[in-house]
Amino acid sequence: MRRVVLFLSLVITTTTVASAAAKPHAVTFGKWMPVKLFVGPTEDKTLPIQVRPLYIDTKLKEFTTGETHYITDRLFVVRRAVRINDSLPSDDKKLPKWMWQRSGWLLVDTATGRVSQITLPDFDPFYSDVAWYRDYAAYCGLSDDAQKLFANVIAIGHKKPLLRRQLGMASNGDAPDSECSTPQWDRQPPRVTFLPKNAAKFTFTLPDRSIDLAPNNDEESDK
């Protein structure tokens, strides 16, 4: 009898855990809200944008801006928006001085409810404009000192960029797209064209996923 009781307890526990694991997560967005985005190296200019909250099981996880891009039927990416406290130590500490900024990109798994940040080398929240195709992201980025401009292509889940090519020196323009227009994707063959404003445009063809990339960043295909 004791063995029967233990067996039934094990079955009930296993069933309960399996049911909990199979419980779907509710991934929803709230209403769009108009806000002022602070832009520019000195953040002394603003642009009107819209942000909306991202909820996982009715709990607020992040604020986002722009449209979503579905990679699979359960994975999508969306750009993050954050509020930064711009208060000085001498300011009134009762009311923080919030300012909205665009940040990096988030990967959302609708099956598990997990929200994670995507690593984009050289990505600059002010200058970089990402173009997505499947699980690939193409964008122009800046070096840490904001002096060099790079063309980047990354694949989610890969540590090393598929492409990192210097395009020249950054000019520190006043507009978010002053350095490089949004890259343009083609499907057949899968390739992306970069359109830097102070350098010649070029096209990068995606490598075969079955081929291991070399350790350096010189494995490029220019056409």
N, C-alpha and C. Protein backbone atom coordinates (compact mmCIF):
# COMPACT_ATOMS: atom_id res chain seq x y z
N MET A 1 0.83 -1.21 0.00
CA MET A 1 0.00 0.00 0.00
C MET A 1 0.86 1.26 0.00
N ARG A 2 1.94 1.22 0.77
CA ARG A 2 2.82 2.40 0.85
C ARG A 2 3.42 2.70 -0.52
N ARG A 3 3.80 1.62 -1.25
CA ARG A 3 4.37 1.83 -2.57
C ARG A 3 3.34 2.42 -3.53
N VAL A 4 2.10 2.00 -3.39
CA VAL A 4 1.03 2.53 -4.24
C VAL A 4 0.84 4.02 -3.99
N VAL A 5 0.84 4.39 -2.70
CA VAL A 5 0.66 5.80 -2.34
C VAL A 5 1.80 6.64 -2.89
N LEU A 6 3.04 6.14 -2.75
CA LEU A 6 4.20 6.87 -3.27
C LEU A 6 4.13 7.01 -4.78
N PHE A 7 3.68 5.92 -5.45
CA PHE A 7 3.57 5.97 -6.91
C PHE A 7 2.54 6.99 -7.34
N LEU A 8 1.37 6.99 -6.67
CA LEU A 8 0.32 7.96 -7.02
C LEU A 8 0.78 9.38 -6.75
N SER A 9 1.51 9.59 -5.67
CA SER A 9 2.01 10.92 -5.35
C SER A 9 2.98 11.40 -6.43
N LEU A 10 3.84 10.46 -6.89
CA LEU A 10 4.79 10.81 -7.94
C LEU A 10 4.06 11.17 -9.23
N VAL A 11 3.02 10.40 -9.58
CA VAL A 11 2.25 10.67 -10.79
C VAL A 11 1.58 12.04 -10.71
N ILE A 12 0.99 12.36 -9.56
CA ILE A 12 0.30 13.64 -9.39
C ILE A 12 1.29 14.80 -9.48
N THR A 13 2.46 14.63 -8.83
CA THR A 13 3.49 15.67 -8.87
C THR A 13 3.99 15.91 -10.28
N THR A 14 4.25 14.81 -10.99
CA THR A 14 4.75 14.92 -12.37
C THR A 14 3.72 15.59 -13.27
N THR A 15 2.46 15.22 -13.09
CA THR A 15 1.39 15.81 -13.89
C THR A 15 1.26 17.31 -13.61
N THR A 16 1.37 17.67 -12.32
CA THR A 16 1.26 19.08 -11.93
C THR A 16 2.40 19.90 -12.53
N VAL A 17 3.62 19.37 -12.45
CA VAL A 17 4.78 20.08 -12.99
C VAL A 17 4.65 20.21 -14.50
N ALA A 18 4.22 19.13 -15.16
CA ALA A 18 4.07 19.18 -16.62
C ALA A 18 3.01 20.19 -17.03
N SER A 19 1.93 20.26 -16.27
CA SER A 19 0.87 21.22 -16.58
C SER A 19 1.37 22.64 -16.41
N ALA A 20 2.16 22.85 -15.32
CA ALA A 20 2.70 24.19 -15.09
C ALA A 20 3.67 24.58 -16.18
N ALA A 21 4.49 23.61 -16.62
CA ALA A 21 5.47 23.90 -17.66
C ALA A 21 4.79 24.19 -18.99
N ALA A 22 3.64 23.56 -19.23
CA ALA A 22 2.95 23.75 -20.49
C ALA A 22 2.05 24.97 -20.50
N LYS A 23 1.89 25.65 -19.38
CA LYS A 23 1.02 26.81 -19.30
C LYS A 23 1.54 27.92 -20.20
N PRO A 24 0.74 28.39 -21.13
CA PRO A 24 1.21 29.44 -22.05
C PRO A 24 1.35 30.78 -21.32
N HIS A 25 2.23 31.61 -21.86
CA HIS A 25 2.43 32.94 -21.31
C HIS A 25 1.71 33.96 -22.17
N ALA A 26 1.14 34.95 -21.51
CA ALA A 26 0.44 36.01 -22.23
C ALA A 26 1.41 37.16 -22.49
N VAL A 27 1.76 37.36 -23.74
CA VAL A 27 2.65 38.43 -24.15
C VAL A 27 1.81 39.48 -24.86
N THR A 28 1.68 40.66 -24.27
CA THR A 28 0.83 41.69 -24.83
C THR A 28 1.51 43.05 -24.78
N PHE A 29 1.03 43.96 -25.61
CA PHE A 29 1.50 45.33 -25.61
C PHE A 29 0.37 46.24 -25.12
N GLY A 30 0.76 47.32 -24.43
CA GLY A 30 -0.21 48.31 -24.01
C GLY A 30 -0.45 49.33 -25.10
N LYS A 31 -1.15 50.39 -24.77
CA LYS A 31 -1.48 51.43 -25.74
C LYS A 31 -0.26 52.30 -26.05
N TRP A 32 -0.23 52.81 -27.27
CA TRP A 32 0.83 53.73 -27.66
C TRP A 32 0.71 55.03 -26.87
N MET A 33 1.86 55.57 -26.48
CA MET A 33 1.90 56.82 -25.74
C MET A 33 2.84 57.79 -26.45
N PRO A 34 2.41 59.01 -26.76
CA PRO A 34 3.31 59.99 -27.38
C PRO A 34 4.28 60.57 -26.35
N VAL A 35 5.57 60.56 -26.66
CA VAL A 35 6.59 61.11 -25.77
C VAL A 35 7.59 61.89 -26.60
N LYS A 36 8.47 62.61 -25.94
CA LYS A 36 9.53 63.34 -26.60
C LYS A 36 10.84 62.57 -26.45
N LEU A 37 11.47 62.29 -27.57
CA LEU A 37 12.74 61.59 -27.58
C LEU A 37 13.87 62.59 -27.61
N PHE A 38 14.80 62.46 -26.68
CA PHE A 38 15.98 63.32 -26.67
C PHE A 38 17.02 62.73 -27.61
N VAL A 39 17.49 63.55 -28.57
CA VAL A 39 18.41 63.07 -29.60
C VAL A 39 19.62 63.99 -29.66
N GLY A 40 20.64 63.48 -30.35
CA GLY A 40 21.84 64.28 -30.55
C GLY A 40 22.89 63.98 -29.52
N PRO A 41 24.14 64.21 -29.86
CA PRO A 41 25.24 63.95 -28.93
C PRO A 41 25.10 64.72 -27.62
N THR A 42 24.53 65.93 -27.70
CA THR A 42 24.38 66.74 -26.49
C THR A 42 22.99 66.61 -25.88
N GLU A 43 22.11 65.84 -26.55
CA GLU A 43 20.75 65.60 -26.06
C GLU A 43 20.02 66.90 -25.75
N ASP A 44 20.19 67.89 -26.61
CA ASP A 44 19.51 69.16 -26.44
C ASP A 44 18.38 69.35 -27.44
N LYS A 45 18.08 68.30 -28.22
CA LYS A 45 16.99 68.35 -29.18
C LYS A 45 16.03 67.20 -28.91
N THR A 46 14.79 67.39 -29.32
CA THR A 46 13.78 66.37 -29.10
C THR A 46 13.03 66.07 -30.39
N LEU A 47 12.54 64.84 -30.48
CA LEU A 47 11.69 64.41 -31.58
C LEU A 47 10.48 63.70 -31.00
N PRO A 48 9.30 63.87 -31.58
CA PRO A 48 8.12 63.16 -31.08
C PRO A 48 8.14 61.70 -31.54
N ILE A 49 8.01 60.77 -30.62
CA ILE A 49 7.89 59.35 -30.95
C ILE A 49 6.79 58.76 -30.09
N GLN A 50 6.50 57.50 -30.34
CA GLN A 50 5.52 56.79 -29.53
C GLN A 50 6.15 55.57 -28.90
N VAL A 51 5.79 55.31 -27.66
CA VAL A 51 6.27 54.12 -26.95
C VAL A 51 5.05 53.37 -26.42
N ARG A 52 5.26 52.10 -26.14
CA ARG A 52 4.18 51.30 -25.54
C ARG A 52 4.79 50.26 -24.62
N PRO A 53 4.09 49.92 -23.55
CA PRO A 53 4.62 48.94 -22.59
C PRO A 53 4.48 47.51 -23.11
N LEU A 54 5.42 46.67 -22.71
CA LEU A 54 5.39 45.24 -23.00
C LEU A 54 5.08 44.50 -21.72
N TYR A 55 4.03 43.70 -21.74
CA TYR A 55 3.61 42.94 -20.56
C TYR A 55 3.82 41.45 -20.79
N ILE A 56 4.30 40.77 -19.77
CA ILE A 56 4.38 39.31 -19.74
C ILE A 56 3.50 38.84 -18.59
N ASP A 57 2.42 38.14 -18.92
CA ASP A 57 1.46 37.68 -17.90
C ASP A 57 0.98 38.86 -17.05
N THR A 58 0.61 39.94 -17.70
CA THR A 58 0.07 41.18 -17.11
C THR A 58 1.10 41.97 -16.31
N LYS A 59 2.36 41.52 -16.26
CA LYS A 59 3.40 42.25 -15.53
C LYS A 59 4.23 43.09 -16.51
N LEU A 60 4.45 44.34 -16.16
CA LEU A 60 5.22 45.23 -17.02
C LEU A 60 6.68 44.80 -17.04
N LYS A 61 7.21 44.55 -18.24
CA LYS A 61 8.60 44.14 -18.39
C LYS A 61 9.47 45.25 -18.96
N GLU A 62 9.02 45.88 -20.03
CA GLU A 62 9.82 46.89 -20.70
C GLU A 62 8.89 47.90 -21.39
N PHE A 63 9.48 49.02 -21.79
CA PHE A 63 8.82 49.92 -22.72
C PHE A 63 9.50 49.74 -24.07
N THR A 64 8.72 49.81 -25.15
CA THR A 64 9.26 49.57 -26.48
C THR A 64 8.83 50.69 -27.42
N THR A 65 9.50 50.74 -28.56
CA THR A 65 9.14 51.71 -29.61
C THR A 65 9.34 51.05 -30.96
N GLY A 66 8.59 51.48 -31.95
CA GLY A 66 8.70 50.89 -33.27
C GLY A 66 7.93 49.59 -33.40
N GLU A 67 8.01 49.00 -34.59
CA GLU A 67 7.28 47.77 -34.87
C GLU A 67 8.09 46.53 -34.47
N THR A 68 7.39 45.43 -34.29
CA THR A 68 8.04 44.16 -33.98
C THR A 68 8.45 43.45 -35.27
N HIS A 69 9.45 42.58 -35.16
CA HIS A 69 9.86 41.72 -36.27
C HIS A 69 9.86 40.29 -35.77
N TYR A 70 8.99 39.46 -36.35
CA TYR A 70 8.91 38.06 -35.95
C TYR A 70 9.98 37.25 -36.68
N ILE A 71 10.80 36.56 -35.89
CA ILE A 71 11.83 35.68 -36.44
C ILE A 71 11.24 34.30 -36.70
N THR A 72 10.50 33.77 -35.73
CA THR A 72 9.74 32.53 -35.88
C THR A 72 8.34 32.79 -35.35
N ASP A 73 7.53 31.74 -35.27
CA ASP A 73 6.17 31.92 -34.77
C ASP A 73 6.14 32.14 -33.26
N ARG A 74 7.28 31.99 -32.60
CA ARG A 74 7.32 32.20 -31.15
C ARG A 74 8.35 33.23 -30.71
N LEU A 75 9.23 33.66 -31.62
CA LEU A 75 10.28 34.62 -31.28
C LEU A 75 10.10 35.90 -32.09
N PHE A 76 10.17 37.04 -31.41
CA PHE A 76 10.18 38.30 -32.12
C PHE A 76 11.14 39.27 -31.45
N VAL A 77 11.55 40.29 -32.20
CA VAL A 77 12.44 41.31 -31.68
C VAL A 77 11.70 42.64 -31.71
N VAL A 78 12.06 43.52 -30.80
CA VAL A 78 11.46 44.85 -30.73
C VAL A 78 12.45 45.77 -30.05
N ARG A 79 12.43 47.04 -30.42
CA ARG A 79 13.40 47.98 -29.87
C ARG A 79 12.93 48.48 -28.50
N ARG A 80 13.88 48.61 -27.61
CA ARG A 80 13.61 49.03 -26.24
C ARG A 80 13.64 50.55 -26.12
N ALA A 81 12.77 51.09 -25.29
CA ALA A 81 12.76 52.51 -24.94
C ALA A 81 12.91 52.62 -23.43
N VAL A 82 13.73 53.54 -22.98
CA VAL A 82 14.00 53.67 -21.55
C VAL A 82 13.83 55.11 -21.10
N ARG A 83 13.55 55.27 -19.82
CA ARG A 83 13.50 56.59 -19.21
C ARG A 83 14.75 56.79 -18.35
N ILE A 84 15.45 57.87 -18.61
CA ILE A 84 16.67 58.19 -17.88
C ILE A 84 16.40 59.36 -16.95
N ASN A 85 16.86 59.24 -15.72
CA ASN A 85 16.71 60.34 -14.77
C ASN A 85 17.80 61.37 -15.03
N ASP A 86 17.42 62.55 -15.51
CA ASP A 86 18.36 63.60 -15.89
C ASP A 86 18.55 64.63 -14.77
N SER A 87 18.13 64.29 -13.57
CA SER A 87 18.23 65.25 -12.45
C SER A 87 19.68 65.42 -11.99
N LEU A 88 20.04 66.63 -11.69
CA LEU A 88 21.34 66.94 -11.10
C LEU A 88 21.26 66.82 -9.58
N PRO A 89 22.40 66.64 -8.91
CA PRO A 89 22.39 66.57 -7.45
C PRO A 89 21.78 67.81 -6.81
N SER A 90 21.87 68.97 -7.48
CA SER A 90 21.34 70.21 -6.93
C SER A 90 19.86 70.41 -7.22
N ASP A 91 19.26 69.52 -8.07
CA ASP A 91 17.85 69.66 -8.41
C ASP A 91 16.97 69.16 -7.28
N ASP A 92 15.70 69.53 -7.36
CA ASP A 92 14.71 69.05 -6.40
C ASP A 92 14.59 67.53 -6.52
N LYS A 93 14.90 66.82 -5.45
CA LYS A 93 14.92 65.36 -5.49
C LYS A 93 13.54 64.73 -5.33
N LYS A 94 12.51 65.55 -5.13
CA LYS A 94 11.18 64.99 -4.96
C LYS A 94 10.63 64.46 -6.29
N LEU A 95 10.96 65.13 -7.38
CA LEU A 95 10.43 64.76 -8.68
C LEU A 95 11.60 64.51 -9.65
N PRO A 96 11.86 63.25 -10.00
CA PRO A 96 12.93 62.97 -10.97
C PRO A 96 12.63 63.64 -12.31
N LYS A 97 13.65 64.03 -13.02
CA LYS A 97 13.51 64.63 -14.33
C LYS A 97 13.73 63.53 -15.37
N TRP A 98 12.64 62.92 -15.82
CA TRP A 98 12.75 61.79 -16.73
C TRP A 98 12.91 62.28 -18.16
N MET A 99 13.75 61.57 -18.92
CA MET A 99 13.91 61.83 -20.34
C MET A 99 13.92 60.49 -21.08
N TRP A 100 13.18 60.44 -22.19
CA TRP A 100 13.07 59.19 -22.95
C TRP A 100 14.23 59.06 -23.93
N GLN A 101 14.73 57.85 -24.05
CA GLN A 101 15.77 57.53 -25.02
C GLN A 101 15.49 56.18 -25.66
N ARG A 102 15.87 56.04 -26.92
CA ARG A 102 15.83 54.72 -27.55
C ARG A 102 17.07 53.94 -27.14
N SER A 103 16.87 52.66 -26.89
CA SER A 103 17.98 51.81 -26.44
C SER A 103 18.22 50.73 -27.47
N GLY A 104 18.66 49.55 -27.02
CA GLY A 104 18.96 48.45 -27.93
C GLY A 104 17.73 47.65 -28.28
N TRP A 105 17.95 46.38 -28.64
CA TRP A 105 16.86 45.53 -29.10
C TRP A 105 16.63 44.37 -28.13
N LEU A 106 15.38 43.95 -28.03
CA LEU A 106 14.98 42.87 -27.15
C LEU A 106 14.53 41.66 -27.96
N LEU A 107 14.84 40.47 -27.45
CA LEU A 107 14.36 39.22 -28.01
C LEU A 107 13.31 38.66 -27.06
N VAL A 108 12.11 38.43 -27.58
CA VAL A 108 10.99 37.98 -26.76
C VAL A 108 10.56 36.58 -27.20
N ASP A 109 10.53 35.66 -26.24
CA ASP A 109 10.08 34.30 -26.50
C ASP A 109 8.66 34.18 -25.96
N THR A 110 7.68 34.08 -26.84
CA THR A 110 6.29 34.04 -26.41
C THR A 110 5.91 32.73 -25.74
N ALA A 111 6.70 31.67 -25.95
CA ALA A 111 6.41 30.37 -25.33
C ALA A 111 6.85 30.34 -23.88
N THR A 112 8.02 30.89 -23.59
CA THR A 112 8.55 30.87 -22.23
C THR A 112 8.33 32.19 -21.47
N GLY A 113 7.99 33.24 -22.20
CA GLY A 113 7.82 34.54 -21.57
C GLY A 113 9.13 35.23 -21.26
N ARG A 114 10.22 34.72 -21.80
CA ARG A 114 11.53 35.31 -21.51
C ARG A 114 11.80 36.51 -22.41
N VAL A 115 12.32 37.58 -21.80
CA VAL A 115 12.72 38.78 -22.52
C VAL A 115 14.20 39.00 -22.27
N SER A 116 15.01 39.04 -23.33
CA SER A 116 16.45 39.19 -23.18
C SER A 116 16.95 40.27 -24.14
N GLN A 117 18.06 40.90 -23.76
CA GLN A 117 18.65 41.92 -24.61
C GLN A 117 19.58 41.28 -25.64
N ILE A 118 19.56 41.79 -26.85
CA ILE A 118 20.39 41.28 -27.93
C ILE A 118 21.68 42.08 -27.98
N THR A 119 22.80 41.38 -28.07
CA THR A 119 24.10 42.04 -28.17
C THR A 119 24.36 42.44 -29.61
N LEU A 120 24.51 43.75 -29.85
CA LEU A 120 24.79 44.27 -31.17
C LEU A 120 26.10 45.06 -31.11
N PRO A 121 27.22 44.47 -31.56
CA PRO A 121 28.51 45.18 -31.51
C PRO A 121 28.45 46.49 -32.28
N ASP A 122 29.07 47.52 -31.71
CA ASP A 122 29.18 48.85 -32.31
C ASP A 122 27.84 49.57 -32.41
N PHE A 123 26.78 48.99 -31.89
CA PHE A 123 25.47 49.62 -31.98
C PHE A 123 25.43 50.91 -31.19
N ASP A 124 24.93 51.96 -31.80
CA ASP A 124 24.79 53.26 -31.15
C ASP A 124 23.31 53.65 -31.15
N PRO A 125 22.72 53.88 -29.96
CA PRO A 125 21.28 54.18 -29.90
C PRO A 125 20.88 55.41 -30.69
N PHE A 126 21.82 56.34 -30.90
CA PHE A 126 21.51 57.57 -31.62
C PHE A 126 21.64 57.41 -33.12
N TYR A 127 22.72 56.77 -33.59
CA TYR A 127 23.02 56.70 -35.01
C TYR A 127 22.52 55.43 -35.69
N SER A 128 22.51 54.30 -35.00
CA SER A 128 22.27 53.01 -35.66
C SER A 128 20.79 52.77 -35.95
N ASP A 129 20.53 52.36 -37.18
CA ASP A 129 19.17 52.02 -37.62
C ASP A 129 19.21 50.59 -38.15
N VAL A 130 18.62 49.66 -37.42
CA VAL A 130 18.73 48.23 -37.73
C VAL A 130 17.68 47.81 -38.75
N ALA A 131 18.11 47.03 -39.73
CA ALA A 131 17.20 46.39 -40.69
C ALA A 131 17.24 44.89 -40.44
N TRP A 132 16.09 44.28 -40.18
CA TRP A 132 16.01 42.86 -39.85
C TRP A 132 15.56 42.03 -41.05
N TYR A 133 16.14 40.84 -41.17
CA TYR A 133 15.70 39.84 -42.15
C TYR A 133 15.93 38.48 -41.52
N ARG A 134 14.86 37.70 -41.37
CA ARG A 134 14.95 36.44 -40.63
C ARG A 134 15.55 36.71 -39.25
N ASP A 135 16.67 36.03 -38.92
CA ASP A 135 17.32 36.29 -37.63
C ASP A 135 18.60 37.09 -37.81
N TYR A 136 18.67 37.84 -38.91
CA TYR A 136 19.84 38.66 -39.20
C TYR A 136 19.52 40.14 -38.96
N ALA A 137 20.50 40.86 -38.42
CA ALA A 137 20.38 42.30 -38.21
C ALA A 137 21.52 42.98 -38.94
N ALA A 138 21.18 43.97 -39.77
CA ALA A 138 22.18 44.75 -40.49
C ALA A 138 22.06 46.21 -40.07
N TYR A 139 23.20 46.85 -39.79
CA TYR A 139 23.16 48.23 -39.32
C TYR A 139 24.55 48.84 -39.41
N CYS A 140 24.60 50.15 -39.35
CA CYS A 140 25.86 50.87 -39.25
C CYS A 140 26.09 51.22 -37.78
N GLY A 141 27.31 51.02 -37.33
CA GLY A 141 27.63 51.29 -35.94
C GLY A 141 28.85 52.18 -35.80
N LEU A 142 29.10 52.60 -34.57
CA LEU A 142 30.22 53.48 -34.28
C LEU A 142 31.18 52.82 -33.30
N SER A 143 32.46 53.18 -33.40
CA SER A 143 33.45 52.71 -32.43
C SER A 143 33.17 53.37 -31.08
N ASP A 144 33.84 52.89 -30.04
CA ASP A 144 33.61 53.41 -28.70
C ASP A 144 33.89 54.91 -28.60
N ASP A 145 34.85 55.39 -29.37
CA ASP A 145 35.18 56.82 -29.33
C ASP A 145 34.37 57.63 -30.34
N ALA A 146 33.41 56.97 -31.01
CA ALA A 146 32.52 57.63 -31.96
C ALA A 146 33.27 58.26 -33.13
N GLN A 147 34.44 57.72 -33.49
CA GLN A 147 35.24 58.27 -34.57
C GLN A 147 35.17 57.43 -35.84
N LYS A 148 34.95 56.11 -35.70
CA LYS A 148 34.96 55.22 -36.85
C LYS A 148 33.56 54.65 -37.09
N LEU A 149 33.22 54.53 -38.37
CA LEU A 149 31.92 54.02 -38.78
C LEU A 149 32.09 52.60 -39.33
N PHE A 150 31.25 51.66 -38.88
CA PHE A 150 31.34 50.27 -39.28
C PHE A 150 30.01 49.77 -39.86
N ALA A 151 30.12 48.87 -40.82
CA ALA A 151 28.96 48.12 -41.31
C ALA A 151 28.95 46.78 -40.58
N ASN A 152 27.82 46.41 -40.02
CA ASN A 152 27.71 45.19 -39.22
C ASN A 152 26.54 44.34 -39.68
N VAL A 153 26.77 43.03 -39.69
CA VAL A 153 25.70 42.06 -39.87
C VAL A 153 25.89 41.00 -38.79
N ILE A 154 24.85 40.77 -38.00
CA ILE A 154 24.92 39.76 -36.95
C ILE A 154 23.77 38.78 -37.11
N ALA A 155 23.98 37.58 -36.59
CA ALA A 155 22.92 36.57 -36.53
C ALA A 155 22.67 36.26 -35.07
N ILE A 156 21.43 36.26 -34.67
CA ILE A 156 21.09 35.99 -33.27
C ILE A 156 21.60 34.61 -32.88
N GLY A 157 22.26 34.55 -31.74
CA GLY A 157 22.82 33.29 -31.26
C GLY A 157 24.28 33.10 -31.62
N HIS A 158 24.82 33.94 -32.50
CA HIS A 158 26.23 33.87 -32.87
C HIS A 158 27.01 34.95 -32.13
N LYS A 159 28.11 34.59 -31.53
CA LYS A 159 28.90 35.54 -30.76
C LYS A 159 29.63 36.55 -31.65
N LYS A 160 30.11 36.08 -32.80
CA LYS A 160 30.89 36.95 -33.67
C LYS A 160 30.02 37.48 -34.80
N PRO A 161 30.23 38.74 -35.19
CA PRO A 161 29.48 39.29 -36.32
C PRO A 161 29.80 38.54 -37.61
N LEU A 162 28.83 38.41 -38.48
CA LEU A 162 29.10 37.84 -39.80
C LEU A 162 29.87 38.85 -40.65
N LEU A 163 29.67 40.11 -40.36
CA LEU A 163 30.38 41.17 -41.08
C LEU A 163 30.66 42.32 -40.12
N ARG A 164 31.89 42.82 -40.15
CA ARG A 164 32.27 44.06 -39.45
C ARG A 164 33.30 44.75 -40.33
N ARG A 165 32.85 45.73 -41.07
CA ARG A 165 33.71 46.40 -42.05
C ARG A 165 33.72 47.90 -41.79
N GLN A 166 34.92 48.47 -41.67
CA GLN A 166 35.01 49.91 -41.45
C GLN A 166 34.66 50.65 -42.73
N LEU A 167 33.79 51.63 -42.58
CA LEU A 167 33.34 52.42 -43.72
C LEU A 167 34.05 53.76 -43.82
N GLY A 168 34.75 54.14 -42.78
CA GLY A 168 35.42 55.43 -42.78
C GLY A 168 35.30 56.09 -41.42
N MET A 169 35.49 57.39 -41.42
CA MET A 169 35.41 58.16 -40.19
C MET A 169 34.02 58.77 -40.04
N ALA A 170 33.52 58.78 -38.82
CA ALA A 170 32.21 59.35 -38.55
C ALA A 170 32.28 60.87 -38.65
N SER A 171 31.19 61.46 -39.10
CA SER A 171 31.15 62.92 -39.26
C SER A 171 30.39 63.61 -38.15
N ASN A 172 29.77 62.80 -37.23
CA ASN A 172 29.04 63.38 -36.10
C ASN A 172 27.96 64.34 -36.57
N GLY A 173 27.10 63.85 -37.47
CA GLY A 173 26.02 64.69 -37.97
C GLY A 173 24.97 64.97 -36.92
N ASP A 174 23.99 65.80 -37.30
CA ASP A 174 22.97 66.22 -36.35
C ASP A 174 21.73 65.33 -36.38
N ALA A 175 21.56 64.56 -37.46
CA ALA A 175 20.36 63.75 -37.58
C ALA A 175 20.68 62.30 -37.29
N PRO A 176 19.67 61.52 -36.79
CA PRO A 176 19.92 60.12 -36.46
C PRO A 176 20.41 59.30 -37.65
N ASP A 177 20.07 59.68 -38.88
CA ASP A 177 20.50 58.91 -40.05
C ASP A 177 21.62 59.62 -40.80
N SER A 178 22.37 60.48 -40.11
CA SER A 178 23.36 61.30 -40.79
C SER A 178 24.55 60.49 -41.30
N GLU A 179 24.83 59.36 -40.68
CA GLU A 179 26.01 58.59 -41.06
C GLU A 179 25.73 57.54 -42.12
N CYS A 180 24.58 56.90 -42.04
CA CYS A 180 24.31 55.74 -42.89
C CYS A 180 22.81 55.54 -42.99
N SER A 181 22.29 55.43 -44.21
CA SER A 181 20.87 55.13 -44.38
C SER A 181 20.59 53.69 -43.95
N THR A 182 19.32 53.38 -43.75
CA THR A 182 18.94 52.03 -43.35
C THR A 182 19.36 51.02 -44.42
N PRO A 183 20.09 49.97 -44.05
CA PRO A 183 20.50 48.95 -45.04
C PRO A 183 19.28 48.31 -45.71
N GLN A 184 19.47 47.83 -46.93
CA GLN A 184 18.38 47.25 -47.72
C GLN A 184 18.65 45.78 -47.99
N TRP A 185 17.67 44.93 -47.65
CA TRP A 185 17.81 43.48 -47.82
C TRP A 185 17.21 43.01 -49.15
N ASP A 186 17.83 41.94 -49.69
CA ASP A 186 17.29 41.20 -50.83
C ASP A 186 17.20 39.74 -50.43
N ARG A 187 16.20 39.05 -51.02
CA ARG A 187 15.98 37.65 -50.64
C ARG A 187 16.77 36.66 -51.49
N GLN A 188 16.83 36.85 -52.79
CA GLN A 188 17.49 35.89 -53.70
C GLN A 188 18.59 36.58 -54.51
N PRO A 189 19.85 36.36 -54.16
CA PRO A 189 20.30 35.61 -52.98
C PRO A 189 20.16 36.48 -51.73
N PRO A 190 20.19 35.88 -50.54
CA PRO A 190 20.09 36.67 -49.31
C PRO A 190 21.29 37.60 -49.16
N ARG A 191 21.06 38.88 -49.27
CA ARG A 191 22.14 39.84 -49.20
C ARG A 191 21.61 41.19 -48.74
N VAL A 192 22.52 42.03 -48.27
CA VAL A 192 22.13 43.34 -47.76
C VAL A 192 23.07 44.38 -48.35
N THR A 193 22.50 45.53 -48.69
CA THR A 193 23.27 46.63 -49.26
C THR A 193 23.35 47.77 -48.26
N PHE A 194 24.58 48.21 -48.00
CA PHE A 194 24.82 49.33 -47.11
C PHE A 194 24.95 50.62 -47.91
N LEU A 195 24.40 51.69 -47.36
CA LEU A 195 24.35 52.97 -48.05
C LEU A 195 24.93 54.08 -47.18
N PRO A 196 26.24 54.03 -46.91
CA PRO A 196 26.85 55.10 -46.12
C PRO A 196 26.87 56.40 -46.92
N LYS A 197 26.73 57.51 -46.23
CA LYS A 197 26.62 58.80 -46.92
C LYS A 197 27.96 59.38 -47.29
N ASN A 198 29.03 58.91 -46.65
CA ASN A 198 30.35 59.45 -46.95
C ASN A 198 31.30 58.38 -47.48
N ALA A 199 30.73 57.30 -48.02
CA ALA A 199 31.54 56.22 -48.59
C ALA A 199 30.71 55.52 -49.66
N ALA A 200 31.37 54.71 -50.47
CA ALA A 200 30.68 54.01 -51.54
C ALA A 200 29.78 52.91 -50.97
N LYS A 201 28.62 52.73 -51.57
CA LYS A 201 27.74 51.66 -51.12
C LYS A 201 28.33 50.31 -51.51
N PHE A 202 27.97 49.28 -50.77
CA PHE A 202 28.44 47.93 -51.10
C PHE A 202 27.42 46.92 -50.61
N THR A 203 27.52 45.70 -51.15
CA THR A 203 26.58 44.64 -50.83
C THR A 203 27.31 43.46 -50.20
N PHE A 204 26.72 42.91 -49.15
CA PHE A 204 27.27 41.75 -48.45
C PHE A 204 26.30 40.59 -48.62
N THR A 205 26.78 39.49 -49.15
CA THR A 205 25.98 38.29 -49.33
C THR A 205 26.14 37.37 -48.13
N LEU A 206 25.05 36.90 -47.59
CA LEU A 206 25.11 36.05 -46.41
C LEU A 206 25.84 34.75 -46.71
N PRO A 207 26.73 34.32 -45.81
CA PRO A 207 27.42 33.04 -46.00
C PRO A 207 26.50 31.87 -45.68
N ASP A 208 26.90 30.70 -46.16
CA ASP A 208 26.17 29.49 -45.84
C ASP A 208 26.27 29.25 -44.34
N ARG A 209 25.13 29.01 -43.69
CA ARG A 209 25.14 28.78 -42.24
C ARG A 209 25.95 27.55 -41.85
N SER A 210 26.15 26.63 -42.80
CA SER A 210 26.89 25.41 -42.47
C SER A 210 28.39 25.63 -42.49
N ILE A 211 28.84 26.81 -42.95
CA ILE A 211 30.26 27.10 -43.02
C ILE A 211 30.68 27.88 -41.78
N ASP A 212 31.75 27.43 -41.13
CA ASP A 212 32.26 28.14 -39.98
C ASP A 212 33.02 29.37 -40.43
N LEU A 213 32.71 30.51 -39.80
CA LEU A 213 33.41 31.74 -40.17
C LEU A 213 34.81 31.74 -39.58
N ALA A 214 35.71 32.43 -40.25
CA ALA A 214 37.08 32.56 -39.74
C ALA A 214 37.07 33.39 -38.47
N PRO A 215 38.09 33.22 -37.60
CA PRO A 215 38.14 33.98 -36.34
C PRO A 215 38.17 35.48 -36.52
N ASN A 216 38.75 35.98 -37.63
CA ASN A 216 38.80 37.42 -37.80
C ASN A 216 37.53 37.90 -38.48
N ASN A 217 37.44 39.22 -38.71
CA ASN A 217 36.27 39.83 -39.28
C ASN A 217 36.43 40.17 -40.75
N ASP A 218 37.36 39.50 -41.44
CA ASP A 218 37.63 39.84 -42.81
C ASP A 218 36.90 38.95 -43.80
N GLU A 219 36.08 38.03 -43.28
CA GLU A 219 35.33 37.15 -44.16
C GLU A 219 34.14 37.91 -44.72
N GLU A 220 34.35 38.64 -45.80
CA GLU A 220 33.31 39.46 -46.38
C GLU A 220 33.09 39.05 -47.84
N SER A 221 31.96 39.41 -48.34
CA SER A 221 31.64 39.18 -49.76
C SER A 221 31.10 40.47 -50.32
N ASP A 222 31.89 41.15 -51.11
CA ASP A 222 31.49 42.43 -51.70
C ASP A 222 31.11 42.22 -53.16
N LYS A 223 29.94 42.67 -53.50
CA LYS A 223 29.48 42.50 -54.86
C LYS A 223 28.78 43.79 -55.29
